PDB file of N, CA and C in Angstrom:
ATOM      1  N   MET A   1     235.843  66.288  18.384  1.00  0.00           N
ATOM      2  CA  MET A   1     234.494  66.170  17.922  1.00  0.00           C
ATOM      3  C   MET A   1     234.519  65.839  16.434  1.00  0.00           C
ATOM      4  N   SER A   2     233.727  64.890  16.098  1.00  0.00           N
ATOM      5  CA  SER A   2     233.751  64.465  14.700  1.00  0.00           C
ATOM      6  C   SER A   2     232.833  65.343  13.859  1.00  0.00           C
ATOM      7  N   GLU A   3     233.013  65.205  12.589  1.00  0.00           N
ATOM      8  CA  GLU A   3     232.218  65.991  11.635  1.00  0.00           C
ATOM      9  C   GLU A   3     230.744  65.636  11.745  1.00  0.00           C
ATOM     10  N   GLN A   4     230.452  64.397  11.994  1.00  0.00           N
ATOM     11  CA  GLN A   4     229.064  63.952  12.100  1.00  0.00           C
ATOM     12  C   GLN A   4     228.412  64.550  13.345  1.00  0.00           C
ATOM     13  N   GLU A   5     229.118  64.629  14.469  1.00  0.00           N
ATOM     14  CA  GLU A   5     228.582  65.219  15.693  1.00  0.00           C
ATOM     15  C   GLU A   5     228.316  66.707  15.492  1.00  0.00           C
ATOM     16  N   LYS A   6     229.221  67.380  14.815  1.00  0.00           N
ATOM     17  CA  LYS A   6     229.024  68.798  14.523  1.00  0.00           C
ATOM     18  C   LYS A   6     227.787  69.002  13.649  1.00  0.00           C
ATOM     19  N   GLN A   7     227.648  68.141  12.663  1.00  0.00           N
ATOM     20  CA  GLN A   7     226.486  68.220  11.757  1.00  0.00           C
ATOM     21  C   GLN A   7     225.197  67.961  12.532  1.00  0.00           C
ATOM     22  N   THR A   8     225.220  66.999  13.444  1.00  0.00           N
ATOM     23  CA  THR A   8     224.046  66.667  14.244  1.00  0.00           C
ATOM     24  C   THR A   8     223.669  67.842  15.143  1.00  0.00           C
ATOM     25  N   ARG A   9     224.667  68.460  15.791  1.00  0.00           N
ATOM     26  CA  ARG A   9     224.394  69.616  16.649  1.00  0.00           C
ATOM     27  C   ARG A   9     223.882  70.799  15.822  1.00  0.00           C
ATOM     28  N   SER A  10     224.450  70.973  14.661  1.00  0.00           N
ATOM     29  CA  SER A  10     224.010  72.065  13.782  1.00  0.00           C
ATOM     30  C   SER A  10     222.557  71.857  13.355  1.00  0.00           C
ATOM     31  N   ASN A  11     222.231  70.629  12.999  1.00  0.00           N
ATOM     32  CA  ASN A  11     220.857  70.314  12.617  1.00  0.00           C
ATOM     33  C   ASN A  11     219.900  70.489  13.801  1.00  0.00           C
ATOM     34  N   ALA A  12     220.360  70.099  14.982  1.00  0.00           N
ATOM     35  CA  ALA A  12     219.531  70.251  16.174  1.00  0.00           C
ATOM     36  C   ALA A  12     219.258  71.736  16.447  1.00  0.00           C
ATOM     37  N   ARG A  13     220.282  72.571  16.315  1.00  0.00           N
ATOM     38  CA  ARG A  13     220.107  74.017  16.500  1.00  0.00           C
ATOM     39  C   ARG A  13     219.147  74.593  15.461  1.00  0.00           C
ATOM     40  N   LYS A  14     219.291  74.177  14.223  1.00  0.00           N
ATOM     41  CA  LYS A  14     218.410  74.655  13.164  1.00  0.00           C
ATOM     42  C   LYS A  14     216.961  74.272  13.453  1.00  0.00           C
ATOM     43  N   ARG A  15     216.753  73.026  13.897  1.00  0.00           N
ATOM     44  CA  ARG A  15     215.397  72.585  14.233  1.00  0.00           C
ATOM     45  C   ARG A  15     214.848  73.389  15.403  1.00  0.00           C
ATOM     46  N   LYS A  16     215.714  73.651  16.380  1.00  0.00           N
ATOM     47  CA  LYS A  16     215.301  74.416  17.557  1.00  0.00           C
ATOM     48  C   LYS A  16     214.891  75.833  17.148  1.00  0.00           C
ATOM     49  N   TYR A  17     215.723  76.502  16.364  1.00  0.00           N
ATOM     50  CA  TYR A  17     215.419  77.852  15.901  1.00  0.00           C
ATOM     51  C   TYR A  17     214.178  77.864  15.007  1.00  0.00           C
ATOM     52  N   THR A  18     214.062  76.867  14.161  1.00  0.00           N
ATOM     53  CA  THR A  18     212.891  76.763  13.293  1.00  0.00           C
ATOM     54  C   THR A  18     211.630  76.583  14.127  1.00  0.00           C
ATOM     55  N   PHE A  19     211.717  75.709  15.134  1.00  0.00           N
ATOM     56  CA  PHE A  19     210.571  75.493  16.026  1.00  0.00           C
ATOM     57  C   PHE A  19     210.141  76.789  16.696  1.00  0.00           C
ATOM     58  N   TRP A  20     211.088  77.551  17.248  1.00  0.00           N
ATOM     59  CA  TRP A  20     210.765  78.800  17.942  1.00  0.00           C
ATOM     60  C   TRP A  20     210.249  79.862  16.972  1.00  0.00           C
ATOM     61  N   LEU A  21     210.800  79.880  15.777  1.00  0.00           N
ATOM     62  CA  LEU A  21     210.335  80.821  14.777  1.00  0.00           C
ATOM     63  C   LEU A  21     208.891  80.512  14.370  1.00  0.00           C
ATOM     64  N   VAL A  22     208.612  79.238  14.122  1.00  0.00           N
ATOM     65  CA  VAL A  22     207.249  78.830  13.753  1.00  0.00           C
ATOM     66  C   VAL A  22     206.292  79.119  14.908  1.00  0.00           C
ATOM     67  N   LEU A  23     206.708  78.825  16.132  1.00  0.00           N
ATOM     68  CA  LEU A  23     205.869  79.094  17.305  1.00  0.00           C
ATOM     69  C   LEU A  23     205.589  80.586  17.434  1.00  0.00           C
ATOM     70  N   LEU A  24     206.602  81.407  17.225  1.00  0.00           N
ATOM     71  CA  LEU A  24     206.430  82.853  17.293  1.00  0.00           C
ATOM     72  C   LEU A  24     205.450  83.334  16.223  1.00  0.00           C
ATOM     73  N   LEU A  25     205.584  82.834  15.008  1.00  0.00           N
ATOM     74  CA  LEU A  25     204.676  83.223  13.926  1.00  0.00           C
ATOM     75  C   LEU A  25     203.236  82.812  14.227  1.00  0.00           C
ATOM     76  N   VAL A  26     203.066  81.608  14.771  1.00  0.00           N
ATOM     77  CA  VAL A  26     201.723  81.138  15.125  1.00  0.00           C
ATOM     78  C   VAL A  26     201.123  82.028  16.216  1.00  0.00           C
ATOM     79  N   LEU A  27     201.924  82.371  17.219  1.00  0.00           N
ATOM     80  CA  LEU A  27     201.434  83.242  18.287  1.00  0.00           C
ATOM     81  C   LEU A  27     201.067  84.628  17.743  1.00  0.00           C
ATOM     82  N   LEU A  28     201.888  85.155  16.850  1.00  0.00           N
ATOM     83  CA  LEU A  28     201.562  86.443  16.250  1.00  0.00           C
ATOM     84  C   LEU A  28     200.264  86.379  15.460  1.00  0.00           C
ATOM     85  N   LEU A  29     200.070  85.288  14.744  1.00  0.00           N
ATOM     86  CA  LEU A  29     198.822  85.124  13.997  1.00  0.00           C
ATOM     87  C   LEU A  29     197.626  85.026  14.935  1.00  0.00           C
ATOM     88  N   VAL A  30     197.787  84.275  16.025  1.00  0.00           N
ATOM     89  CA  VAL A  30     196.691  84.113  16.984  1.00  0.00           C
ATOM     90  C   VAL A  30     196.333  85.454  17.623  1.00  0.00           C
ATOM     91  N   VAL A  31     197.321  86.252  17.895  1.00  0.00           N
ATOM     92  CA  VAL A  31     197.070  87.517  18.589  1.00  0.00           C
ATOM     93  C   VAL A  31     196.643  88.624  17.627  1.00  0.00           C
ATOM     94  N   PHE A  32     197.312  88.785  16.496  1.00  0.00           N
ATOM     95  CA  PHE A  32     197.118  89.971  15.667  1.00  0.00           C
ATOM     96  C   PHE A  32     196.405  89.752  14.341  1.00  0.00           C
ATOM     97  N   SER A  33     195.921  88.583  14.044  1.00  0.00           N
ATOM     98  CA  SER A  33     195.226  88.383  12.769  1.00  0.00           C
ATOM     99  C   SER A  33     193.829  89.002  12.840  1.00  0.00           C
ATOM    100  N   ASP A  34     193.114  88.990  11.726  1.00  0.00           N
ATOM    101  CA  ASP A  34     191.771  89.572  11.675  1.00  0.00           C
ATOM    102  C   ASP A  34     190.796  88.885  12.628  1.00  0.00           C
ATOM    103  N   SER A  35     191.035  87.636  12.919  1.00  0.00           N
ATOM    104  CA  SER A  35     190.179  86.935  13.881  1.00  0.00           C
ATOM    105  C   SER A  35     190.963  86.598  15.150  1.00  0.00           C
ATOM    106  N   GLY A  36     191.981  87.395  15.436  1.00  0.00           N
ATOM    107  CA  GLY A  36     192.852  87.140  16.579  1.00  0.00           C
ATOM    108  C   GLY A  36     192.329  87.741  17.875  1.00  0.00           C
ATOM    109  N   LEU A  37     193.109  87.557  18.912  1.00  0.00           N
ATOM    110  CA  LEU A  37     192.717  87.995  20.247  1.00  0.00           C
ATOM    111  C   LEU A  37     192.632  89.515  20.350  1.00  0.00           C
ATOM    112  N   TYR A  38     193.550  90.220  19.719  1.00  0.00           N
ATOM    113  CA  TYR A  38     193.526  91.684  19.781  1.00  0.00           C
ATOM    114  C   TYR A  38     192.255  92.236  19.151  1.00  0.00           C
ATOM    115  N   LYS A  39     191.918  91.723  17.978  1.00  0.00           N
ATOM    116  CA  LYS A  39     190.688  92.155  17.294  1.00  0.00           C
ATOM    117  C   LYS A  39     189.467  91.787  18.132  1.00  0.00           C
ATOM    118  N   ARG A  40     189.480  90.634  18.723  1.00  0.00           N
ATOM    119  CA  ARG A  40     188.371  90.182  19.574  1.00  0.00           C
ATOM    120  C   ARG A  40     188.193  91.136  20.755  1.00  0.00           C
ATOM    121  N   PHE A  41     189.303  91.528  21.372  1.00  0.00           N
ATOM    122  CA  PHE A  41     189.248  92.455  22.495  1.00  0.00           C
ATOM    123  C   PHE A  41     188.661  93.797  22.065  1.00  0.00           C
ATOM    124  N   GLN A  42     189.093  94.296  20.911  1.00  0.00           N
ATOM    125  CA  GLN A  42     188.560  95.559  20.397  1.00  0.00           C
ATOM    126  C   GLN A  42     187.060  95.461  20.136  1.00  0.00           C
ATOM    127  N   LEU A  43     186.631  94.356  19.555  1.00  0.00           N
ATOM    128  CA  LEU A  43     185.214  94.171  19.262  1.00  0.00           C
ATOM    129  C   LEU A  43     184.384  94.085  20.540  1.00  0.00           C
ATOM    130  N   GLU A  44     184.918  93.441  21.565  1.00  0.00           N
ATOM    131  CA  GLU A  44     184.208  93.368  22.838  1.00  0.00           C
ATOM    132  C   GLU A  44     184.064  94.754  23.456  1.00  0.00           C
ATOM    133  N   MET A  45     185.100  95.570  23.355  1.00  0.00           N
ATOM    134  CA  MET A  45     185.029  96.933  23.883  1.00  0.00           C
ATOM    135  C   MET A  45     183.987  97.752  23.111  1.00  0.00           C
ATOM    136  N   ASP A  46     183.983  97.617  21.792  1.00  0.00           N
ATOM    137  CA  ASP A  46     182.994  98.316  20.977  1.00  0.00           C
ATOM    138  C   ASP A  46     181.584  97.863  21.333  1.00  0.00           C
ATOM    139  N   LYS A  47     181.418  96.583  21.524  1.00  0.00           N
ATOM    140  CA  LYS A  47     180.111  96.031  21.880  1.00  0.00           C
ATOM    141  C   LYS A  47     179.630  96.613  23.213  1.00  0.00           C
ATOM    142  N   ARG A  48     180.526  96.696  24.182  1.00  0.00           N
ATOM    143  CA  ARG A  48     180.170  97.246  25.491  1.00  0.00           C
ATOM    144  C   ARG A  48     179.752  98.715  25.366  1.00  0.00           C
ATOM    145  N   GLU A  49     180.499  99.495  24.577  1.00  0.00           N
ATOM    146  CA  GLU A  49     180.165 100.902  24.383  1.00  0.00           C
ATOM    147  C   GLU A  49     178.812 101.061  23.697  1.00  0.00           C
ATOM    148  N   ILE A  50     178.553 100.240  22.705  1.00  0.00           N
ATOM    149  CA  ILE A  50     177.281 100.309  21.988  1.00  0.00           C
ATOM    150  C   ILE A  50     176.126  99.948  22.910  1.00  0.00           C
ATOM    151  N   LYS A  51     176.309  98.932  23.751  1.00  0.00           N
ATOM    152  CA  LYS A  51     175.256  98.569  24.702  1.00  0.00           C
ATOM    153  C   LYS A  51     174.976  99.710  25.672  1.00  0.00           C
ATOM    154  N   GLU A  52     176.017 100.392  26.133  1.00  0.00           N
ATOM    155  CA  GLU A  52     175.822 101.529  27.032  1.00  0.00           C
ATOM    156  C   GLU A  52     175.065 102.652  26.330  1.00  0.00           C
ATOM    157  N   LYS A  53     175.400 102.913  25.072  1.00  0.00           N
ATOM    158  CA  LYS A  53     174.693 103.944  24.313  1.00  0.00           C
ATOM    159  C   LYS A  53     173.229 103.561  24.124  1.00  0.00           C
ATOM    160  N   ILE A  54     172.975 102.292  23.868  1.00  0.00           N
ATOM    161  CA  ILE A  54     171.598 101.822  23.696  1.00  0.00           C
ATOM    162  C   ILE A  54     170.810 102.033  24.980  1.00  0.00           C
ATOM    163  N   GLU A  55     171.415 101.702  26.126  1.00  0.00           N
ATOM    164  CA  GLU A  55     170.742 101.897  27.404  1.00  0.00           C
ATOM    165  C   GLU A  55     170.438 103.374  27.649  1.00  0.00           C
ATOM    166  N   GLU A  56     171.402 104.254  27.350  1.00  0.00           N
ATOM    167  CA  GLU A  56     171.184 105.688  27.512  1.00  0.00           C
ATOM    168  C   GLU A  56     170.043 106.172  26.624  1.00  0.00           C
ATOM    169  N   GLU A  57     170.030 105.708  25.380  1.00  0.00           N
ATOM    170  CA  GLU A  57     168.976 106.128  24.456  1.00  0.00           C
ATOM    171  C   GLU A  57     167.613 105.579  24.878  1.00  0.00           C
ATOM    172  N   MET A  58     167.580 104.387  25.443  1.00  0.00           N
ATOM    173  CA  MET A  58     166.317 103.829  25.933  1.00  0.00           C
ATOM    174  C   MET A  58     165.787 104.663  27.095  1.00  0.00           C
ATOM    175  N   LYS A  59     166.682 105.091  28.008  1.00  0.00           N
ATOM    176  CA  LYS A  59     166.270 105.952  29.114  1.00  0.00           C
ATOM    177  C   LYS A  59     165.751 107.283  28.582  1.00  0.00           C
ATOM    178  N   ARG A  60     166.458 107.822  27.608  1.00  0.00           N
ATOM    179  CA  ARG A  60     166.035 109.098  27.010  1.00  0.00           C
ATOM    180  C   ARG A  60     164.679 108.951  26.344  1.00  0.00           C
ATOM    181  N   LYS A  61     164.486 107.843  25.645  1.00  0.00           N
ATOM    182  CA  LYS A  61     163.210 107.581  24.982  1.00  0.00           C
ATOM    183  C   LYS A  61     162.089 107.484  26.005  1.00  0.00           C
ATOM    184  N   ASP A  62     162.334 106.784  27.116  1.00  0.00           N
ATOM    185  CA  ASP A  62     161.318 106.653  28.159  1.00  0.00           C
ATOM    186  C   ASP A  62     160.958 108.009  28.752  1.00  0.00           C
ATOM    187  N   SER A  63     161.975 108.842  28.997  1.00  0.00           N
ATOM    188  CA  SER A  63     161.676 110.160  29.570  1.00  0.00           C
ATOM    189  C   SER A  63     160.908 111.028  28.572  1.00  0.00           C
ATOM    190  N   LEU A  64     161.250 110.926  27.285  1.00  0.00           N
ATOM    191  CA  LEU A  64     160.513 111.687  26.275  1.00  0.00           C
ATOM    192  C   LEU A  64     159.079 111.196  26.144  1.00  0.00           C
ATOM    193  N   ASN A  65     158.880 109.879  26.217  1.00  0.00           N
ATOM    194  CA  ASN A  65     157.519 109.338  26.168  1.00  0.00           C
ATOM    195  C   ASN A  65     156.705 109.803  27.365  1.00  0.00           C
ATOM    196  N   THR A  66     157.330 109.857  28.531  1.00  0.00           N
ATOM    197  CA  THR A  66     156.643 110.347  29.725  1.00  0.00           C
ATOM    198  C   THR A  66     156.250 111.809  29.536  1.00  0.00           C
ATOM    199  N   ARG A  67     157.169 112.603  28.992  1.00  0.00           N
ATOM    200  CA  ARG A  67     156.864 114.014  28.768  1.00  0.00           C
ATOM    201  C   ARG A  67     155.753 114.187  27.739  1.00  0.00           C
ATOM    202  N   ILE A  68     155.771 113.370  26.701  1.00  0.00           N
ATOM    203  CA  ILE A  68     154.716 113.431  25.683  1.00  0.00           C
ATOM    204  C   ILE A  68     153.365 113.131  26.314  1.00  0.00           C
ATOM    205  N   LYS A  69     153.300 112.095  27.151  1.00  0.00           N
ATOM    206  CA  LYS A  69     152.035 111.750  27.813  1.00  0.00           C
ATOM    207  C   LYS A  69     151.554 112.882  28.706  1.00  0.00           C
ATOM    208  N   LYS A  70     152.505 113.520  29.420  1.00  0.00           N
ATOM    209  CA  LYS A  70     152.117 114.656  30.263  1.00  0.00           C
ATOM    210  C   LYS A  70     151.551 115.783  29.420  1.00  0.00           C
ATOM    211  N   LEU A  71     152.206 116.069  28.299  1.00  0.00           N
ATOM    212  CA  LEU A  71     151.744 117.166  27.459  1.00  0.00           C
ATOM    213  C   LEU A  71     150.420 116.859  26.772  1.00  0.00           C
ATOM    214  N   LEU A  72     150.147 115.602  26.519  1.00  0.00           N
ATOM    215  CA  LEU A  72     148.888 115.232  25.873  1.00  0.00           C
ATOM    216  C   LEU A  72     147.716 115.232  26.843  1.00  0.00           C
ATOM    217  N   TYR A  73     147.942 114.817  28.082  1.00  0.00           N
ATOM    218  CA  TYR A  73     146.824 114.559  28.989  1.00  0.00           C
ATOM    219  C   TYR A  73     146.808 115.405  30.264  1.00  0.00           C
ATOM    220  N   ASP A  74     147.907 116.010  30.642  1.00  0.00           N
ATOM    221  CA  ASP A  74     147.976 116.738  31.910  1.00  0.00           C
ATOM    222  C   ASP A  74     147.865 118.238  31.643  1.00  0.00           C
ATOM    223  N   THR A  75     146.693 118.801  31.954  1.00  0.00           N
ATOM    224  CA  THR A  75     146.476 120.222  31.680  1.00  0.00           C
ATOM    225  C   THR A  75     147.332 121.110  32.570  1.00  0.00           C
ATOM    226  N   THR A  76     147.639 120.667  33.764  1.00  0.00           N
ATOM    227  CA  THR A  76     148.485 121.488  34.634  1.00  0.00           C
ATOM    228  C   THR A  76     149.900 121.608  34.072  1.00  0.00           C
ATOM    229  N   GLU A  77     150.395 120.553  33.441  1.00  0.00           N
ATOM    230  CA  GLU A  77     151.721 120.604  32.815  1.00  0.00           C
ATOM    231  C   GLU A  77     151.714 121.567  31.628  1.00  0.00           C
ATOM    232  N   ILE A  78     150.651 121.514  30.843  1.00  0.00           N
ATOM    233  CA  ILE A  78     150.528 122.432  29.702  1.00  0.00           C
ATOM    234  C   ILE A  78     150.470 123.867  30.196  1.00  0.00           C
ATOM    235  N   GLU A  79     149.705 124.097  31.264  1.00  0.00           N
ATOM    236  CA  GLU A  79     149.600 125.442  31.828  1.00  0.00           C
ATOM    237  C   GLU A  79     150.947 125.919  32.368  1.00  0.00           C
ATOM    238  N   ARG A  80     151.691 125.047  33.038  1.00  0.00           N
ATOM    239  CA  ARG A  80     152.996 125.408  33.586  1.00  0.00           C
ATOM    240  C   ARG A  80     153.951 125.827  32.469  1.00  0.00           C
ATOM    241  N   ILE A  81     153.972 125.076  31.402  1.00  0.00           N
ATOM    242  CA  ILE A  81     154.863 125.394  30.284  1.00  0.00           C
ATOM    243  C   ILE A  81     154.442 126.700  29.615  1.00  0.00           C
ATOM    244  N   ALA A  82     153.144 126.888  29.453  1.00  0.00           N
ATOM    245  CA  ALA A  82     152.656 128.119  28.836  1.00  0.00           C
ATOM    246  C   ALA A  82     153.047 129.336  29.673  1.00  0.00           C
ATOM    247  N   ARG A  83     152.971 129.215  30.980  1.00  0.00           N
ATOM    248  CA  ARG A  83     153.330 130.331  31.860  1.00  0.00           C
ATOM    249  C   ARG A  83     154.845 130.579  31.855  1.00  0.00           C
ATOM    250  N   GLU A  84     155.626 129.513  31.999  1.00  0.00           N
ATOM    251  CA  GLU A  84     157.079 129.672  32.107  1.00  0.00           C
ATOM    252  C   GLU A  84     157.732 130.049  30.781  1.00  0.00           C
ATOM    253  N   LYS A  85     157.390 129.326  29.749  1.00  0.00           N
ATOM    254  CA  LYS A  85     158.098 129.499  28.490  1.00  0.00           C
ATOM    255  C   LYS A  85     157.547 130.651  27.651  1.00  0.00           C
ATOM    256  N   TYR A  86     156.242 130.803  27.659  1.00  0.00           N
ATOM    257  CA  TYR A  86     155.635 131.787  26.766  1.00  0.00           C
ATOM    258  C   TYR A  86     155.065 133.006  27.493  1.00  0.00           C
ATOM    259  N   GLY A  87     155.164 133.044  28.818  1.00  0.00           N
ATOM    260  CA  GLY A  87     154.723 134.200  29.581  1.00  0.00           C
ATOM    261  C   GLY A  87     153.219 134.433  29.530  1.00  0.00           C
ATOM    262  N   MET A  88     152.444 133.403  29.336  1.00  0.00           N
ATOM    263  CA  MET A  88     150.991 133.546  29.255  1.00  0.00           C
ATOM    264  C   MET A  88     150.404 133.684  30.663  1.00  0.00           C
ATOM    265  N   THR A  89     149.282 134.385  30.734  1.00  0.00           N
ATOM    266  CA  THR A  89     148.599 134.591  32.016  1.00  0.00           C
ATOM    267  C   THR A  89     147.112 134.319  31.857  1.00  0.00           C
ATOM    268  N   LYS A  90     146.455 134.149  32.988  1.00  0.00           N
ATOM    269  CA  LYS A  90     145.004 134.019  32.989  1.00  0.00           C
ATOM    270  C   LYS A  90     144.408 135.428  32.949  1.00  0.00           C
ATOM    271  N   PRO A  91     143.149 135.564  32.560  1.00  0.00           N
ATOM    272  CA  PRO A  91     142.529 136.892  32.554  1.00  0.00           C
ATOM    273  C   PRO A  91     142.542 137.501  33.958  1.00  0.00           C
ATOM    274  N   ASN A  92     142.729 138.796  34.029  1.00  0.00           N
ATOM    275  CA  ASN A  92     142.768 139.562  35.276  1.00  0.00           C
ATOM    276  C   ASN A  92     143.917 139.133  36.192  1.00  0.00           C
ATOM    277  N   GLU A  93     144.961 138.576  35.652  1.00  0.00           N
ATOM    278  CA  GLU A  93     146.102 138.145  36.454  1.00  0.00           C
ATOM    279  C   GLU A  93     147.268 139.090  36.179  1.00  0.00           C
ATOM    280  N   GLU A  94     147.969 139.499  37.225  1.00  0.00           N
ATOM    281  CA  GLU A  94     149.103 140.387  37.056  1.00  0.00           C
ATOM    282  C   GLU A  94     150.405 139.597  37.127  1.00  0.00           C
ATOM    283  N   VAL A  95     151.351 139.979  36.301  1.00  0.00           N
ATOM    284  CA  VAL A  95     152.649 139.326  36.298  1.00  0.00           C
ATOM    285  C   VAL A  95     153.646 140.264  36.957  1.00  0.00           C
ATOM    286  N   ILE A  96     154.357 139.743  37.934  1.00  0.00           N
ATOM    287  CA  ILE A  96     155.378 140.521  38.617  1.00  0.00           C
ATOM    288  C   ILE A  96     156.724 139.934  38.239  1.00  0.00           C
ATOM    289  N   ILE A  97     157.577 140.773  37.659  1.00  0.00           N
ATOM    290  CA  ILE A  97     158.903 140.318  37.237  1.00  0.00           C
ATOM    291  C   ILE A  97     159.914 140.806  38.253  1.00  0.00           C
ATOM    292  N   ILE A  98     160.666 139.890  38.793  1.00  0.00           N
ATOM    293  CA  ILE A  98     161.686 140.217  39.786  1.00  0.00           C
ATOM    294  C   ILE A  98     163.044 140.082  39.109  1.00  0.00           C
ATOM    295  N   GLU A  99     163.757 141.200  39.074  1.00  0.00           N
ATOM    296  CA  GLU A  99     165.090 141.164  38.465  1.00  0.00           C
ATOM    297  C   GLU A  99     166.114 140.868  39.534  1.00  0.00           C
ATOM    298  N   ARG A 100     167.007 139.986  39.254  1.00  0.00           N
ATOM    299  CA  ARG A 100     168.054 139.625  40.199  1.00  0.00           C
ATOM    300  C   ARG A 100     169.283 140.487  39.957  1.00  0.00           C
ATOM    301  N   GLU A 101     169.968 140.784  41.028  1.00  0.00           N
ATOM    302  CA  GLU A 101     171.195 141.564  40.903  1.00  0.00           C
ATOM    303  C   GLU A 101     172.303 140.680  40.360  1.00  0.00           C
ATOM    304  N   LYS A 102     173.076 141.230  39.466  1.00  0.00           N
ATOM    305  CA  LYS A 102     174.203 140.484  38.926  1.00  0.00           C
ATOM    306  C   LYS A 102     175.382 140.648  39.868  1.00  0.00           C
ATOM    307  N   LYS A 103     176.068 139.558  40.125  1.00  0.00           N
ATOM    308  CA  LYS A 103     177.219 139.590  41.049  1.00  0.00           C
ATOM    309  C   LYS A 103     178.497 139.810  40.319  1.00  0.00           C
TER     310      LYS A 103
END
């Protein structure tokens, strides 16, 4: 093998290794940079979690609005709460307290 053939093979190997090294660096940048695939995946997961929290809070808001409307306009609901929570009674009404046995 001549010196020129050895030099050509050596240069070919260097180009090959350089190509793979550059390709590896580009792939690492694509995957792990600030605008890479990994960051994108994390942001999508965060977005999904936030949307779920928003939906839960919207449901909670709707139920609270329903309860507010009941308390503002439904006298039977107000009476139920007054009886259960505050132990209020109507005039001439007797309250019977039943104690449960502890197991």
